[in-house]
C-alpha atoms as a PDB file:
ATOM      1  CA  MET A   1      10.934  25.219 -24.087  1.00  0.00           C
ATOM      2  CA  VAL A   2       7.842  24.726 -22.258  1.00  0.00           C
ATOM      3  CA  THR A   3       5.030  27.925 -22.347  1.00  0.00           C
ATOM      4  CA  LEU A   4       4.206  29.230 -19.113  1.00  0.00           C
ATOM      5  CA  THR A   5       1.306  31.321 -18.528  1.00  0.00           C
ATOM      6  CA  ALA A   6       2.181  34.462 -15.936  1.00  0.00           C
ATOM      7  CA  PRO A   7       2.523  33.016 -12.882  1.00  0.00           C
ATOM      8  CA  GLU A   8       0.323  33.899 -10.018  1.00  0.00           C
ATOM      9  CA  THR A   9       1.433  34.387  -6.636  1.00  0.00           C
ATOM     10  CA  HIS A  10      -0.292  34.600  -3.868  1.00  0.00           C
ATOM     11  CA  ALA A  11      -0.226  33.648  -0.181  1.00  0.00           C
ATOM     12  CA  PRO A  12      -2.677  31.336   1.390  1.00  0.00           C
ATOM     13  CA  ALA A  13      -5.644  32.149   3.385  1.00  0.00           C
ATOM     14  CA  GLY A  14      -5.054  33.153   6.732  1.00  0.00           C
ATOM     15  CA  ALA A  15      -1.172  31.979   6.340  1.00  0.00           C
ATOM     16  CA  ALA A  16       0.918  33.577   8.537  1.00  0.00           C
ATOM     17  CA  GLN A  17       3.188  36.870   7.169  1.00  0.00           C
ATOM     18  CA  GLU A  18       6.346  34.010   7.083  1.00  0.00           C
ATOM     19  CA  SER A  19       4.787  31.537   4.808  1.00  0.00           C
ATOM     20  CA  ALA A  20       5.824  30.594   1.755  1.00  0.00           C
ATOM     21  CA  VAL A  21       4.315  31.704  -1.445  1.00  0.00           C
ATOM     22  CA  VAL A  22       2.407  29.740  -4.006  1.00  0.00           C
ATOM     23  CA  ASP A  23       2.785  29.736  -7.878  1.00  0.00           C
ATOM     24  CA  SER A  24       0.624  29.032 -10.470  1.00  0.00           C
ATOM     25  CA  PHE A  25       0.916  27.920 -13.548  1.00  0.00           C
ATOM     26  CA  SER A  26      -0.299  26.790 -17.124  1.00  0.00           C
ATOM     27  CA  VAL A  27       1.211  24.804 -19.471  1.00  0.00           C
ATOM     28  CA  ASP A  28       0.138  24.015 -23.059  1.00  0.00           C
ATOM     29  CA  LEU A  29       1.010  21.316 -24.361  1.00  0.00           C
ATOM     30  CA  ALA A  30      -0.838  22.269 -28.313  1.00  0.00           C
ATOM     31  CA  ASP A  31       2.619  25.091 -27.197  1.00  0.00           C
ATOM     32  CA  SER A  32       5.272  22.910 -25.450  1.00  0.00           C
ATOM     33  CA  PRO A  33       6.372  19.244 -25.259  1.00  0.00           C
ATOM     34  CA  VAL A  34       6.296  16.629 -23.042  1.00  0.00           C
ATOM     35  CA  ARG A  35       9.694  16.307 -22.136  1.00  0.00           C
ATOM     36  CA  ASP A  36      10.290  19.752 -21.124  1.00  0.00           C
ATOM     37  CA  LEU A  37       6.655  19.962 -19.537  1.00  0.00           C
ATOM     38  CA  ASN A  38       8.499  16.757 -17.299  1.00  0.00           C
ATOM     39  CA  GLN A  39      11.992  18.704 -16.689  1.00  0.00           C
ATOM     40  CA  ALA A  40       9.845  21.715 -15.220  1.00  0.00           C
ATOM     41  CA  LEU A  41       8.053  19.741 -13.414  1.00  0.00           C
ATOM     42  CA  HIS A  42      11.887  18.308 -12.076  1.00  0.00           C
ATOM     43  CA  ASN A  43      12.594  22.065 -11.216  1.00  0.00           C
ATOM     44  CA  ALA A  44       9.056  22.794  -9.646  1.00  0.00           C
ATOM     45  CA  THR A  45       9.309  24.042  -5.734  1.00  0.00           C
ATOM     46  CA  ASP A  46       6.839  22.439  -2.603  1.00  0.00           C
ATOM     47  CA  GLY A  47       3.845  24.073  -2.740  1.00  0.00           C
ATOM     48  CA  GLU A  48       3.687  25.308  -6.534  1.00  0.00           C
ATOM     49  CA  SER A  49       0.910  24.580  -8.476  1.00  0.00           C
ATOM     50  CA  TRP A  50       0.249  23.654 -12.369  1.00  0.00           C
ATOM     51  CA  THR A  51      -2.313  22.904 -14.708  1.00  0.00           C
ATOM     52  CA  VAL A  52      -2.268  21.241 -18.288  1.00  0.00           C
ATOM     53  CA  THR A  53      -3.523  21.853 -20.910  1.00  0.00           C
ATOM     54  CA  ASN A  54      -4.537  20.005 -24.119  1.00  0.00           C
ATOM     55  CA  SER A  55      -3.224  17.053 -22.988  1.00  0.00           C
ATOM     56  CA  GLY A  56      -4.012  15.212 -26.177  1.00  0.00           C
ATOM     57  CA  GLY A  57      -3.703  11.789 -24.369  1.00  0.00           C
ATOM     58  CA  LYS A  58      -0.143  12.020 -24.684  1.00  0.00           C
ATOM     59  CA  HIS A  59       2.286   9.343 -22.928  1.00  0.00           C
ATOM     60  CA  SER A  60       4.135   9.596 -19.846  1.00  0.00           C
ATOM     61  CA  LEU A  61       2.528  13.195 -17.974  1.00  0.00           C
ATOM     62  CA  ALA A  62       3.696  14.272 -14.979  1.00  0.00           C
ATOM     63  CA  VAL A  63       6.258  11.310 -14.357  1.00  0.00           C
ATOM     64  CA  GLY A  64       9.087  11.392 -11.345  1.00  0.00           C
ATOM     65  CA  ILE A  65       7.686  13.815  -9.558  1.00  0.00           C
ATOM     66  CA  ASN A  66       9.939  14.753  -6.723  1.00  0.00           C
ATOM     67  CA  ALA A  67       8.031  18.539  -4.868  1.00  0.00           C
ATOM     68  CA  ALA A  68       4.832  18.561  -2.774  1.00  0.00           C
ATOM     69  CA  VAL A  69       3.007  20.134  -6.200  1.00  0.00           C
ATOM     70  CA  ARG A  70      -0.381  19.949  -7.170  1.00  0.00           C
ATOM     71  CA  VAL A  71      -0.864  19.155 -10.541  1.00  0.00           C
ATOM     72  CA  THR A  72      -3.985  18.983 -12.702  1.00  0.00           C
ATOM     73  CA  ILE A  73      -3.909  17.271 -15.956  1.00  0.00           C
ATOM     74  CA  ASN A  74      -7.005  18.799 -17.760  1.00  0.00           C
ATOM     75  CA  GLY A  75      -8.156  15.636 -20.550  1.00  0.00           C
ATOM     76  CA  HIS A  76      -7.031  12.517 -20.822  1.00  0.00           C
ATOM     77  CA  ALA A  77      -3.474  10.908 -20.171  1.00  0.00           C
ATOM     78  CA  GLY A  78      -1.456   8.237 -22.664  1.00  0.00           C
ATOM     79  CA  TYR A  79       0.686   5.250 -20.795  1.00  0.00           C
ATOM     80  CA  TYR A  80       2.573   5.671 -17.812  1.00  0.00           C
ATOM     81  CA  ALA A  81       0.843   9.420 -16.113  1.00  0.00           C
ATOM     82  CA  ALA A  82       2.168   9.991 -13.004  1.00  0.00           C
ATOM     83  CA  GLY A  83       5.006   7.128 -12.941  1.00  0.00           C
ATOM     84  CA  MET A  84       7.639   6.903 -10.508  1.00  0.00           C
ATOM     85  CA  HIS A  85       5.825   9.834  -8.215  1.00  0.00           C
ATOM     86  CA  GLN A  86       7.039  10.446  -5.076  1.00  0.00           C
ATOM     87  CA  LYS A  87       5.634  14.326  -3.548  1.00  0.00           C
ATOM     88  CA  GLY A  88       2.299  15.843  -4.007  1.00  0.00           C
ATOM     89  CA  GLN A  89      -0.434  15.042  -6.524  1.00  0.00           C
ATOM     90  CA  VAL A  90      -1.871  14.763  -9.955  1.00  0.00           C
ATOM     91  CA  THR A  91      -4.781  15.025 -10.900  1.00  0.00           C
ATOM     92  CA  VAL A  92      -6.586  13.600 -14.412  1.00  0.00           C
ATOM     93  CA  THR A  93      -9.580  14.959 -15.087  1.00  0.00           C
ATOM     94  CA  GLY A  94     -10.530  12.521 -17.730  1.00  0.00           C
ATOM     95  CA  ASN A  95      -9.365   8.898 -18.441  1.00  0.00           C
ATOM     96  CA  ALA A  96      -5.854   7.398 -18.542  1.00  0.00           C
ATOM     97  CA  GLY A  97      -4.262   4.395 -20.562  1.00  0.00           C
ATOM     98  CA  VAL A  98      -1.318   1.737 -19.713  1.00  0.00           C
ATOM     99  CA  GLY A  99       0.937   2.068 -16.575  1.00  0.00           C
ATOM    100  CA  LEU A 100      -0.488   4.622 -14.444  1.00  0.00           C
ATOM    101  CA  ALA A 101       1.242   5.696 -11.462  1.00  0.00           C
ATOM    102  CA  GLU A 102       3.945   2.763 -12.319  1.00  0.00           C
ATOM    103  CA  ASN A 103       6.416   2.270  -8.864  1.00  0.00           C
ATOM    104  CA  ILE A 104       4.687   5.380  -7.496  1.00  0.00           C
ATOM    105  CA  MET A 105       6.397   5.670  -3.959  1.00  0.00           C
ATOM    106  CA  SER A 106       4.111   8.429  -2.102  1.00  0.00           C
ATOM    107  CA  GLY A 107       1.668  11.350  -2.444  1.00  0.00           C
ATOM    108  CA  ARG A 108      -1.416  11.181  -4.220  1.00  0.00           C
ATOM    109  CA  VAL A 109      -2.149   9.758  -8.199  1.00  0.00           C
ATOM    110  CA  HIS A 110      -5.804  10.670  -8.423  1.00  0.00           C
ATOM    111  CA  VAL A 111      -8.318   9.747 -12.167  1.00  0.00           C
ATOM    112  CA  LYS A 112     -11.843  10.903 -12.243  1.00  0.00           C
ATOM    113  CA  GLY A 113     -12.349   8.636 -15.548  1.00  0.00           C
ATOM    114  CA  ASP A 114     -11.417   5.100 -16.310  1.00  0.00           C
ATOM    115  CA  ALA A 115      -7.627   3.721 -16.242  1.00  0.00           C
ATOM    116  CA  SER A 116      -6.055   0.998 -18.281  1.00  0.00           C
ATOM    117  CA  GLN A 117      -4.687  -2.643 -16.801  1.00  0.00           C
ATOM    118  CA  SER A 118      -1.759  -2.201 -15.182  1.00  0.00           C
ATOM    119  CA  ALA A 119      -2.373   0.863 -12.433  1.00  0.00           C
ATOM    120  CA  ALA A 120      -0.172   1.484 -10.000  1.00  0.00           C
ATOM    121  CA  ALA A 121       2.097  -1.483 -10.757  1.00  0.00           C
ATOM    122  CA  THR A 122       4.702  -2.497  -8.183  1.00  0.00           C
ATOM    123  CA  GLY A 123       3.848   0.837  -5.969  1.00  0.00           C
ATOM    124  CA  HIS A 124       5.610   0.701  -2.733  1.00  0.00           C
ATOM    125  CA  GLY A 125       3.514   3.726  -1.220  1.00  0.00           C
ATOM    126  CA  GLY A 126       1.110   6.719  -1.614  1.00  0.00           C
ATOM    127  CA  LEU A 127      -2.436   6.583  -2.702  1.00  0.00           C
ATOM    128  CA  VAL A 128      -3.947   5.455  -6.298  1.00  0.00           C
ATOM    129  CA  VAL A 129      -7.727   6.914  -6.626  1.00  0.00           C
ATOM    130  CA  ILE A 130      -9.353   5.492  -9.773  1.00  0.00           C
ATOM    131  CA  ASP A 131     -13.133   7.014  -9.875  1.00  0.00           C
ATOM    132  CA  GLY A 132     -14.194   5.371 -12.708  1.00  0.00           C
ATOM    133  CA  ASN A 133     -12.827   1.605 -13.568  1.00  0.00           C
ATOM    134  CA  ALA A 134      -9.234   0.086 -14.233  1.00  0.00           C
ATOM    135  CA  GLY A 135      -7.935  -2.708 -16.879  1.00  0.00           C
ATOM    136  CA  ALA A 136      -6.724  -5.852 -16.518  1.00  0.00           C
ATOM    137  CA  ARG A 137      -3.838  -6.368 -13.659  1.00  0.00           C
ATOM    138  CA  CYS A 138      -5.286  -3.385 -11.197  1.00  0.00           C
ATOM    139  CA  GLY A 139      -1.655  -2.961  -8.743  1.00  0.00           C
ATOM    140  CA  ILE A 140      -0.013  -5.955  -9.663  1.00  0.00           C
ATOM    141  CA  SER A 141       3.690  -6.467  -7.801  1.00  0.00           C
ATOM    142  CA  MET A 142       2.115  -3.969  -5.940  1.00  0.00           C
ATOM    143  CA  LYS A 143       4.567  -3.498  -2.523  1.00  0.00           C
ATOM    144  CA  GLY A 144       3.193  -0.954  -0.488  1.00  0.00           C
ATOM    145  CA  VAL A 145       0.487   1.636  -2.390  1.00  0.00           C
ATOM    146  CA  ASP A 146      -3.152   1.802  -1.290  1.00  0.00           C
ATOM    147  CA  ILE A 147      -5.463   1.395  -4.464  1.00  0.00           C
ATOM    148  CA  VAL A 148      -8.736   2.748  -4.689  1.00  0.00           C
ATOM    149  CA  VAL A 149     -11.400   1.555  -7.292  1.00  0.00           C
ATOM    150  CA  GLY A 150     -14.483   3.168  -7.547  1.00  0.00           C
ATOM    151  CA  GLY A 151     -15.850   0.842 -10.171  1.00  0.00           C
ATOM    152  CA  SER A 152     -14.755  -2.577 -11.726  1.00  0.00           C
ATOM    153  CA  ILE A 153     -11.222  -3.897 -12.443  1.00  0.00           C
ATOM    154  CA  GLY A 154     -10.088  -6.667 -15.025  1.00  0.00           C
ATOM    155  CA  HIS A 155      -8.786 -10.375 -15.171  1.00  0.00           C
ATOM    156  CA  MET A 156      -5.438 -11.002 -12.823  1.00  0.00           C
ATOM    157  CA  SER A 157      -5.402  -8.030 -10.885  1.00  0.00           C
ATOM    158  CA  ALA A 158      -3.403  -8.149  -7.145  1.00  0.00           C
ATOM    159  CA  PHE A 159      -1.060 -10.644  -8.882  1.00  0.00           C
ATOM    160  CA  MET A 160       1.727 -11.165  -6.825  1.00  0.00           C
ATOM    161  CA  ALA A 161       0.915  -8.331  -4.353  1.00  0.00           C
ATOM    162  CA  GLN A 162       3.226  -8.209  -1.584  1.00  0.00           C
ATOM    163  CA  ALA A 163       1.726  -5.558   0.568  1.00  0.00           C
ATOM    164  CA  GLY A 164      -0.612  -2.306   0.320  1.00  0.00           C
ATOM    165  CA  ARG A 165      -4.586  -2.578   0.336  1.00  0.00           C
ATOM    166  CA  LEU A 166      -6.910  -2.571  -3.031  1.00  0.00           C
ATOM    167  CA  VAL A 167     -10.299  -1.277  -2.243  1.00  0.00           C
ATOM    168  CA  VAL A 168     -12.798  -1.812  -5.392  1.00  0.00           C
ATOM    169  CA  CYS A 169     -15.934  -0.765  -5.242  1.00  0.00           C
ATOM    170  CA  GLY A 170     -17.393  -2.302  -7.779  1.00  0.00           C
ATOM    171  CA  ASP A 171     -16.309  -6.232  -9.257  1.00  0.00           C
ATOM    172  CA  ALA A 172     -13.226  -8.041  -9.978  1.00  0.00           C
ATOM    173  CA  GLY A 173     -12.517  -9.971 -13.046  1.00  0.00           C
ATOM    174  CA  ASP A 174     -10.593 -13.520 -12.847  1.00  0.00           C
ATOM    175  CA  ALA A 175      -7.999 -14.339 -11.146  1.00  0.00           C
ATOM    176  CA  LEU A 176      -8.112 -12.068  -8.537  1.00  0.00           C
ATOM    177  CA  GLY A 177      -5.405 -11.973  -6.210  1.00  0.00           C
ATOM    178  CA  ASP A 178      -3.165 -14.888  -8.117  1.00  0.00           C
ATOM    179  CA  SER A 179      -0.272 -16.094  -6.091  1.00  0.00           C
ATOM    180  CA  ILE A 180      -0.360 -13.434  -3.599  1.00  0.00           C
ATOM    181  CA  TYR A 181       1.530 -12.526  -0.970  1.00  0.00           C
ATOM    182  CA  GLU A 182       0.566 -10.100   2.685  1.00  0.00           C
ATOM    183  CA  ALA A 183      -1.751  -7.778   0.299  1.00  0.00           C
ATOM    184  CA  ARG A 184      -5.418  -6.897   1.292  1.00  0.00           C
ATOM    185  CA  ILE A 185      -7.947  -6.673  -1.111  1.00  0.00           C
ATOM    186  CA  TYR A 186     -10.995  -5.834  -0.539  1.00  0.00           C
ATOM    187  CA  VAL A 187     -14.981  -5.930  -2.916  1.00  0.00           C
ATOM    188  CA  LYS A 188     -17.801  -4.502  -2.530  1.00  0.00           C
ATOM    189  CA  GLY A 189     -19.292  -6.761  -5.917  1.00  0.00           C
ATOM    190  CA  THR A 190     -18.831  -9.938  -6.908  1.00  0.00           C
ATOM    191  CA  VAL A 191     -15.581 -11.299  -8.162  1.00  0.00           C
ATOM    192  CA  ALA A 192     -15.324 -13.863 -10.721  1.00  0.00           C
ATOM    193  CA  SER A 193     -12.473 -15.950  -9.935  1.00  0.00           C
ATOM    194  CA  LEU A 194      -9.836 -16.134  -6.876  1.00  0.00           C
ATOM    195  CA  GLY A 195      -6.415 -16.729  -8.480  1.00  0.00           C
ATOM    196  CA  ALA A 196      -3.476 -19.382  -6.787  1.00  0.00           C
ATOM    197  CA  ASP A 197      -3.395 -18.809  -3.309  1.00  0.00           C
ATOM    198  CA  CYS A 198      -5.898 -16.529  -2.777  1.00  0.00           C
ATOM    199  CA  ILE A 199      -8.769 -16.776  -0.899  1.00  0.00           C
ATOM    200  CA  GLU A 200     -11.949 -15.058   1.223  1.00  0.00           C
ATOM    201  CA  LYS A 201     -11.145 -13.859   4.902  1.00  0.00           C
ATOM    202  CA  PRO A 202     -13.001 -12.414   7.727  1.00  0.00           C
ATOM    203  CA  MET A 203     -13.739  -9.008   8.040  1.00  0.00           C
ATOM    204  CA  GLU A 204     -13.037  -8.519  11.676  1.00  0.00           C
ATOM    205  CA  SER A 205     -13.171  -4.412  13.283  1.00  0.00           C
ATOM    206  CA  GLU A 206      -9.569  -3.692  12.817  1.00  0.00           C
ATOM    207  CA  HIS A 207     -10.315  -4.790   8.566  1.00  0.00           C
ATOM    208  CA  LEU A 208     -13.876  -2.299   9.080  1.00  0.00           C
ATOM    209  CA  GLU A 209     -11.633   0.374  10.195  1.00  0.00           C
ATOM    210  CA  GLU A 210      -8.988   0.331   7.522  1.00  0.00           C
ATOM    211  CA  LEU A 211     -10.916   0.268   5.250  1.00  0.00           C
ATOM    212  CA  GLU A 212     -13.526   3.361   5.828  1.00  0.00           C
ATOM    213  CA  GLY A 213     -10.237   4.856   5.798  1.00  0.00           C
ATOM    214  CA  LEU A 214      -9.339   3.903   2.389  1.00  0.00           C
ATOM    215  CA  LEU A 215     -13.144   4.849   1.358  1.00  0.00           C
ATOM    216  CA  SER A 216     -12.450   8.047   3.486  1.00  0.00           C
ATOM    217  CA  ALA A 217      -9.536   9.199   2.037  1.00  0.00           C
ATOM    218  CA  ALA A 218     -10.292   8.267  -1.840  1.00  0.00           C
ATOM    219  CA  GLY A 219     -13.817  10.720  -1.102  1.00  0.00           C
ATOM    220  CA  ARG A 220     -15.535   7.925  -1.131  1.00  0.00           C
ATOM    221  CA  THR A 221     -19.267   7.286   0.688  1.00  0.00           C
ATOM    222  CA  GLU A 222     -19.540   3.263   0.624  1.00  0.00           C
ATOM    223  CA  ASN A 223     -20.408   1.778   3.793  1.00  0.00           C
ATOM    224  CA  PRO A 224     -17.579  -0.663   4.436  1.00  0.00           C
ATOM    225  CA  ALA A 225     -20.012  -3.689   6.069  1.00  0.00           C
ATOM    226  CA  ASP A 226     -20.696  -3.632   2.032  1.00  0.00           C
ATOM    227  CA  PHE A 227     -17.437  -5.271   1.153  1.00  0.00           C
ATOM    228  CA  LYS A 228     -15.649  -8.563   1.255  1.00  0.00           C
ATOM    229  CA  ARG A 229     -12.103  -9.123   2.054  1.00  0.00           C
ATOM    230  CA  TYR A 230      -9.272 -11.437   0.388  1.00  0.00           C
ATOM    231  CA  GLY A 231      -5.878 -12.003   1.241  1.00  0.00           C
ATOM    232  CA  SER A 232      -3.619 -14.864   1.507  1.00  0.00           C
ATOM    233  CA  ALA A 233      -3.933 -18.466   2.512  1.00  0.00           C
ATOM    234  CA  ARG A 234       0.184 -18.561   3.029  1.00  0.00           C
ATOM    235  CA  ASN A 235       0.621 -22.081   1.373  1.00  0.00           C
ATOM    236  CA  LEU A 236       2.241 -21.351  -2.257  1.00  0.00           C
ATOM    237  CA  TYR A 237       5.058 -19.140  -1.099  1.00  0.00           C
ATOM    238  CA  HIS A 238       6.155 -21.746   2.108  1.00  0.00           C
ATOM    239  CA  PHE A 239       8.509 -24.705   0.745  1.00  0.00           C
ATOM    240  CA  SER A 240       6.533 -27.827   0.343  1.00  0.00           C
ATOM    241  CA  VAL A 241       8.091 -31.385  -0.371  1.00  0.00           C
ATOM    242  CA  HIS A 242       5.103 -32.011  -2.315  1.00  0.00           C
ATOM    243  CA  ASN A 243       5.666 -29.368  -4.567  1.00  0.00           C
ATOM    244  CA  SER A 244       9.076 -30.224  -5.409  1.00  0.00           C
ATOM    245  CA  THR A 245      10.289 -33.252  -7.762  1.00  0.00           C
ATOM    246  CA  SER A 246      12.975 -35.635  -7.315  1.00  0.00           C
ATOM    247  CA  TYR A 247      15.128 -37.559  -9.654  1.00  0.00           C
END
């Protein structure tokens, strides 16, 4: 079973008398298994606040959350942290392993360190913020998620990205946006190379405004005018007879 500290129950400052109370819980993973932590989070109700200690880089922390709760993981997280996230907010104070926030649907996931490869893969919605660097394949097959990376990203990022926005405040590795569909990519630094059908596009006023909003949501202060935009040339996903083979 999950070992909890005694919850602190209080009303938010300035809240009306009828407002829901907020319960705070602390889970020590030195005493409790990850499975029990996740079950407790699945049973959580809106407004709760959870703190996880002694995370020790364990895998699958805080996955499948479907309530408007706040979860803070004090330390490093292993593979697939905050996977299938649907509501609320998960914050990792250290680094995160492979598959951070994979298939996120909504809500917010924030890593204050670095993230390994495949961060926010197949994400449908929500916001993923990585203060440090992200490894290879960041945002592959993204389907609507917004990703803001404070550092640099590795190769093959945004591969087959269908929708959503990827913001990179550092540099991007090789084959950025390979086989991209309609996702938008903003990079402040240099791009090692662009993938198939990915091209640089003009930064219009709407893109500057969009980027400003994304940076602000991630708590960043970069100037949107310092970024370049990349997206699909729209050649690959339209049929061309020249790409077919006759027998």
